Amino acid sequence: MEDKFTAENFSDEDGNPAGGRVDGIGLQIEWQNGPLGPYGFPERVKPNGAFVETVLKAVQQRIEYYQTTFPCRENALAITKIEEAVHWLNSRTQRRIAEGTEGTHEGN
């Protein structure tokens, strides 16, 4: 099976991630462009693109759907690995909220 897609990743003038896109057969993703602003502040902006966590959860739900009709070990393992990836990305977000850097280009 061939997974053909094109991807463009954009950076702002400071070299920070600034959106991008992925296109393939039956697939088009526009990534979030820029930070949302500090978490919990009124000037926080609405998202303008997709987040990796959302795309991973969409893939997870699709594999879970397959698992209802075609259950197998490989599907179960793929679901587990996606859950693990989402867990670590959410862990990073929680750490950044605690540090006061979530929604900014500060920190890592």
N, C-alpha and C. Protein backbone atom coordinates (compact mmCIF):
# COMPACT_ATOMS: atom_id res chain seq x y z
N MET A 1 0.84 -1.18 0.00
CA MET A 1 0.00 0.00 0.00
C MET A 1 0.89 1.24 0.00
N GLU A 2 0.53 2.17 -0.83
CA GLU A 2 1.32 3.39 -0.94
C GLU A 2 0.57 4.55 -0.29
N ASP A 3 1.23 5.24 0.62
CA ASP A 3 0.64 6.37 1.32
C ASP A 3 1.15 7.66 0.70
N LYS A 4 0.48 8.11 -0.34
CA LYS A 4 0.94 9.33 -1.02
C LYS A 4 0.22 10.54 -0.44
N PHE A 5 1.01 11.50 -0.03
CA PHE A 5 0.47 12.77 0.40
C PHE A 5 1.57 13.81 0.26
N THR A 6 1.17 15.07 0.21
CA THR A 6 2.14 16.15 0.20
C THR A 6 1.95 16.95 1.48
N ALA A 7 3.03 17.48 1.97
CA ALA A 7 2.97 18.25 3.21
C ALA A 7 3.83 19.49 3.07
N GLU A 8 3.32 20.58 3.58
CA GLU A 8 4.06 21.84 3.67
C GLU A 8 3.98 22.31 5.11
N ASN A 9 5.11 22.67 5.67
CA ASN A 9 5.17 23.21 7.02
C ASN A 9 5.75 24.61 6.93
N PHE A 10 5.04 25.58 7.50
CA PHE A 10 5.46 26.97 7.42
C PHE A 10 6.04 27.43 8.74
N SER A 11 6.94 28.39 8.66
CA SER A 11 7.54 29.02 9.84
C SER A 11 7.34 30.52 9.75
N ASP A 12 7.24 31.14 10.93
CA ASP A 12 7.15 32.61 10.94
C ASP A 12 8.55 33.20 10.81
N GLU A 13 8.64 34.52 10.87
CA GLU A 13 9.93 35.20 10.68
C GLU A 13 10.95 34.85 11.76
N ASP A 14 10.47 34.31 12.90
CA ASP A 14 11.38 33.90 13.98
C ASP A 14 11.72 32.41 13.94
N GLY A 15 11.20 31.71 12.93
CA GLY A 15 11.48 30.28 12.80
C GLY A 15 10.52 29.40 13.57
N ASN A 16 9.46 29.98 14.14
CA ASN A 16 8.47 29.20 14.89
C ASN A 16 7.45 28.58 13.94
N PRO A 17 6.87 27.42 14.30
CA PRO A 17 5.83 26.83 13.46
C PRO A 17 4.70 27.82 13.22
N ALA A 18 4.26 27.91 11.97
CA ALA A 18 3.21 28.86 11.60
C ALA A 18 2.23 28.22 10.62
N GLY A 19 1.74 27.08 10.96
CA GLY A 19 0.75 26.42 10.12
C GLY A 19 1.38 25.58 9.03
N GLY A 20 0.54 25.19 8.11
CA GLY A 20 0.95 24.33 7.02
C GLY A 20 -0.25 23.54 6.55
N ARG A 21 0.03 22.57 5.71
CA ARG A 21 -1.07 21.78 5.18
C ARG A 21 -0.58 20.41 4.78
N VAL A 22 -1.52 19.46 4.73
CA VAL A 22 -1.28 18.12 4.23
C VAL A 22 -2.41 17.81 3.27
N ASP A 23 -2.07 17.31 2.09
CA ASP A 23 -3.07 16.93 1.09
C ASP A 23 -2.78 15.53 0.58
N GLY A 24 -3.81 14.75 0.44
CA GLY A 24 -3.72 13.42 -0.13
C GLY A 24 -5.09 13.02 -0.64
N ILE A 25 -5.20 11.85 -1.19
CA ILE A 25 -6.50 11.37 -1.67
C ILE A 25 -7.44 11.26 -0.48
N GLY A 26 -8.52 12.01 -0.51
CA GLY A 26 -9.50 11.98 0.57
C GLY A 26 -9.04 12.64 1.85
N LEU A 27 -7.99 13.45 1.78
CA LEU A 27 -7.42 14.04 2.99
C LEU A 27 -6.95 15.46 2.72
N GLN A 28 -7.37 16.37 3.57
CA GLN A 28 -6.84 17.73 3.53
C GLN A 28 -6.83 18.27 4.96
N ILE A 29 -5.66 18.65 5.42
CA ILE A 29 -5.52 19.20 6.76
C ILE A 29 -4.85 20.56 6.65
N GLU A 30 -5.43 21.54 7.30
CA GLU A 30 -4.82 22.86 7.46
C GLU A 30 -4.41 22.94 8.92
N TRP A 31 -3.12 23.03 9.20
CA TRP A 31 -2.63 23.05 10.58
C TRP A 31 -2.83 24.42 11.22
N GLN A 32 -2.94 24.42 12.53
CA GLN A 32 -3.04 25.66 13.30
C GLN A 32 -1.90 26.59 12.92
N ASN A 33 -2.24 27.85 12.67
CA ASN A 33 -1.24 28.85 12.30
C ASN A 33 -1.05 29.81 13.48
N GLY A 34 0.03 29.65 14.19
CA GLY A 34 0.37 30.54 15.30
C GLY A 34 -0.21 30.10 16.62
N PRO A 35 0.31 30.68 17.69
CA PRO A 35 -0.17 30.33 19.03
C PRO A 35 -1.54 30.94 19.30
N LEU A 36 -2.25 30.36 20.26
CA LEU A 36 -3.57 30.84 20.63
C LEU A 36 -3.53 31.96 21.65
N GLY A 37 -2.39 32.13 22.28
CA GLY A 37 -2.28 33.09 23.37
C GLY A 37 -2.29 32.34 24.69
N PRO A 38 -1.86 32.99 25.75
CA PRO A 38 -1.74 32.31 27.05
C PRO A 38 -3.05 31.67 27.49
N TYR A 39 -2.95 30.46 27.99
CA TYR A 39 -4.10 29.70 28.46
C TYR A 39 -4.78 30.43 29.62
N GLY A 40 -6.10 30.58 29.54
CA GLY A 40 -6.85 31.21 30.61
C GLY A 40 -6.96 32.71 30.52
N PHE A 41 -6.34 33.34 29.51
CA PHE A 41 -6.40 34.79 29.37
C PHE A 41 -7.50 35.17 28.39
N PRO A 42 -8.16 36.30 28.60
CA PRO A 42 -9.27 36.69 27.72
C PRO A 42 -8.86 36.97 26.28
N GLU A 43 -7.61 37.31 26.05
CA GLU A 43 -7.18 37.60 24.67
C GLU A 43 -6.82 36.33 23.88
N ARG A 44 -7.01 35.16 24.47
CA ARG A 44 -6.77 33.91 23.77
C ARG A 44 -7.65 33.87 22.52
N VAL A 45 -7.06 33.50 21.38
CA VAL A 45 -7.79 33.51 20.11
C VAL A 45 -8.36 32.12 19.81
N LYS A 46 -9.33 32.10 18.91
CA LYS A 46 -9.91 30.83 18.48
C LYS A 46 -8.96 30.13 17.53
N PRO A 47 -8.95 28.81 17.54
CA PRO A 47 -8.10 28.07 16.60
C PRO A 47 -8.47 28.39 15.16
N ASN A 48 -7.46 28.36 14.29
CA ASN A 48 -7.70 28.60 12.86
C ASN A 48 -7.29 27.40 12.02
N GLY A 49 -6.92 26.31 12.67
CA GLY A 49 -6.51 25.10 11.97
C GLY A 49 -6.50 23.91 12.90
N ALA A 50 -6.15 22.77 12.35
CA ALA A 50 -6.16 21.51 13.09
C ALA A 50 -4.95 21.40 14.01
N PHE A 51 -5.16 20.66 15.10
CA PHE A 51 -4.09 20.30 16.02
C PHE A 51 -3.77 18.82 15.84
N VAL A 52 -2.53 18.43 16.08
CA VAL A 52 -2.11 17.04 15.93
C VAL A 52 -2.99 16.12 16.78
N GLU A 53 -3.30 16.55 18.00
CA GLU A 53 -4.12 15.71 18.90
C GLU A 53 -5.47 15.40 18.28
N THR A 54 -6.09 16.37 17.63
CA THR A 54 -7.40 16.17 17.00
C THR A 54 -7.30 15.16 15.87
N VAL A 55 -6.27 15.27 15.06
CA VAL A 55 -6.09 14.35 13.94
C VAL A 55 -5.84 12.94 14.46
N LEU A 56 -5.02 12.81 15.49
CA LEU A 56 -4.78 11.48 16.08
C LEU A 56 -6.07 10.87 16.61
N LYS A 57 -6.89 11.67 17.28
CA LYS A 57 -8.17 11.15 17.81
C LYS A 57 -9.11 10.75 16.70
N ALA A 58 -9.10 11.46 15.58
CA ALA A 58 -9.92 11.09 14.43
C ALA A 58 -9.47 9.74 13.86
N VAL A 59 -8.17 9.55 13.76
CA VAL A 59 -7.63 8.27 13.28
C VAL A 59 -7.99 7.15 14.26
N GLN A 60 -7.88 7.44 15.55
CA GLN A 60 -8.21 6.44 16.57
C GLN A 60 -9.66 5.99 16.44
N GLN A 61 -10.59 6.95 16.29
CA GLN A 61 -11.99 6.55 16.19
C GLN A 61 -12.24 5.69 14.97
N ARG A 62 -11.52 5.94 13.89
CA ARG A 62 -11.71 5.15 12.68
C ARG A 62 -11.21 3.72 12.88
N ILE A 63 -10.06 3.57 13.53
CA ILE A 63 -9.54 2.22 13.78
C ILE A 63 -10.45 1.50 14.77
N GLU A 64 -10.99 2.22 15.76
CA GLU A 64 -11.94 1.60 16.70
C GLU A 64 -13.19 1.12 15.95
N TYR A 65 -13.62 1.86 14.95
CA TYR A 65 -14.75 1.44 14.12
C TYR A 65 -14.40 0.15 13.38
N TYR A 66 -13.21 0.09 12.77
CA TYR A 66 -12.78 -1.15 12.12
C TYR A 66 -12.77 -2.31 13.10
N GLN A 67 -12.34 -2.03 14.30
CA GLN A 67 -12.19 -3.07 15.32
C GLN A 67 -13.54 -3.70 15.67
N THR A 68 -14.66 -2.97 15.48
CA THR A 68 -15.97 -3.55 15.77
C THR A 68 -16.36 -4.62 14.76
N THR A 69 -15.85 -4.52 13.53
CA THR A 69 -16.17 -5.48 12.47
C THR A 69 -15.02 -6.44 12.19
N PHE A 70 -13.79 -5.92 12.24
CA PHE A 70 -12.61 -6.71 11.92
C PHE A 70 -11.63 -6.69 13.10
N PRO A 71 -12.02 -7.22 14.24
CA PRO A 71 -11.12 -7.14 15.40
C PRO A 71 -9.85 -7.96 15.18
N CYS A 72 -8.73 -7.35 15.54
CA CYS A 72 -7.47 -8.05 15.44
C CYS A 72 -6.44 -7.40 16.36
N ARG A 73 -5.38 -8.11 16.61
CA ARG A 73 -4.33 -7.63 17.49
C ARG A 73 -3.69 -6.35 16.95
N GLU A 74 -3.47 -6.31 15.64
CA GLU A 74 -2.81 -5.14 15.05
C GLU A 74 -3.63 -3.87 15.25
N ASN A 75 -4.95 -3.95 15.06
CA ASN A 75 -5.80 -2.79 15.32
C ASN A 75 -5.72 -2.38 16.78
N ALA A 76 -5.78 -3.35 17.68
CA ALA A 76 -5.72 -3.06 19.12
C ALA A 76 -4.40 -2.38 19.47
N LEU A 77 -3.30 -2.86 18.91
CA LEU A 77 -1.99 -2.24 19.18
C LEU A 77 -1.92 -0.83 18.61
N ALA A 78 -2.46 -0.63 17.41
CA ALA A 78 -2.45 0.70 16.82
C ALA A 78 -3.25 1.68 17.69
N ILE A 79 -4.41 1.25 18.18
CA ILE A 79 -5.22 2.09 19.08
C ILE A 79 -4.43 2.43 20.33
N THR A 80 -3.77 1.45 20.91
CA THR A 80 -2.98 1.69 22.12
C THR A 80 -1.88 2.71 21.87
N LYS A 81 -1.19 2.60 20.75
CA LYS A 81 -0.10 3.53 20.45
C LYS A 81 -0.62 4.95 20.19
N ILE A 82 -1.78 5.06 19.55
CA ILE A 82 -2.37 6.38 19.35
C ILE A 82 -2.77 6.97 20.70
N GLU A 83 -3.38 6.16 21.55
CA GLU A 83 -3.74 6.63 22.90
C GLU A 83 -2.50 7.10 23.66
N GLU A 84 -1.41 6.37 23.51
CA GLU A 84 -0.16 6.75 24.17
C GLU A 84 0.35 8.09 23.62
N ALA A 85 0.31 8.26 22.31
CA ALA A 85 0.76 9.52 21.71
C ALA A 85 -0.08 10.69 22.21
N VAL A 86 -1.40 10.52 22.24
CA VAL A 86 -2.29 11.58 22.72
C VAL A 86 -2.01 11.86 24.20
N HIS A 87 -1.77 10.81 24.97
CA HIS A 87 -1.45 10.99 26.39
C HIS A 87 -0.23 11.89 26.57
N TRP A 88 0.84 11.61 25.82
CA TRP A 88 2.07 12.39 25.99
C TRP A 88 1.92 13.82 25.49
N LEU A 89 1.16 14.01 24.44
CA LEU A 89 0.91 15.38 23.96
C LEU A 89 0.07 16.16 24.97
N ASN A 90 -0.93 15.49 25.57
CA ASN A 90 -1.73 16.15 26.61
C ASN A 90 -0.90 16.41 27.86
N SER A 91 0.01 15.50 28.18
CA SER A 91 0.91 15.70 29.33
C SER A 91 1.77 16.94 29.11
N ARG A 92 2.26 17.10 27.90
CA ARG A 92 3.05 18.30 27.56
C ARG A 92 2.21 19.55 27.73
N THR A 93 0.97 19.51 27.24
CA THR A 93 0.07 20.67 27.37
C THR A 93 -0.15 21.03 28.84
N GLN A 94 -0.42 20.04 29.68
CA GLN A 94 -0.65 20.29 31.10
C GLN A 94 0.59 20.89 31.77
N ARG A 95 1.76 20.38 31.39
CA ARG A 95 3.00 20.94 31.94
C ARG A 95 3.16 22.40 31.52
N ARG A 96 2.86 22.69 30.27
CA ARG A 96 2.99 24.06 29.77
C ARG A 96 1.96 24.99 30.42
N ILE A 97 0.76 24.49 30.70
CA ILE A 97 -0.23 25.30 31.43
C ILE A 97 0.32 25.64 32.80
N ALA A 98 0.87 24.64 33.48
CA ALA A 98 1.43 24.87 34.83
C ALA A 98 2.59 25.86 34.78
N GLU A 99 3.37 25.84 33.71
CA GLU A 99 4.51 26.75 33.56
C GLU A 99 4.10 28.14 33.07
N GLY A 100 2.85 28.27 32.60
CA GLY A 100 2.38 29.53 32.05
C GLY A 100 2.85 29.80 30.63
N THR A 101 3.26 28.76 29.92
CA THR A 101 3.75 28.94 28.56
C THR A 101 2.81 28.37 27.50
N GLU A 102 1.73 27.69 27.90
CA GLU A 102 0.80 27.12 26.93
C GLU A 102 0.17 28.24 26.10
N GLY A 103 0.07 28.02 24.79
CA GLY A 103 -0.50 29.01 23.89
C GLY A 103 0.47 30.07 23.45
N THR A 104 1.75 29.86 23.74
CA THR A 104 2.79 30.80 23.34
C THR A 104 3.92 30.04 22.65
N HIS A 105 4.89 30.77 22.15
CA HIS A 105 6.09 30.15 21.58
C HIS A 105 7.19 30.06 22.63
N GLU A 106 6.88 30.37 23.87
CA GLU A 106 7.89 30.30 24.94
C GLU A 106 8.06 28.85 25.41
N GLY A 107 9.24 28.56 25.90
CA GLY A 107 9.50 27.22 26.47
C GLY A 107 9.51 26.15 25.41
N ASN A 108 9.29 24.93 25.86
CA ASN A 108 9.23 23.80 24.91
C ASN A 108 8.14 22.84 25.30
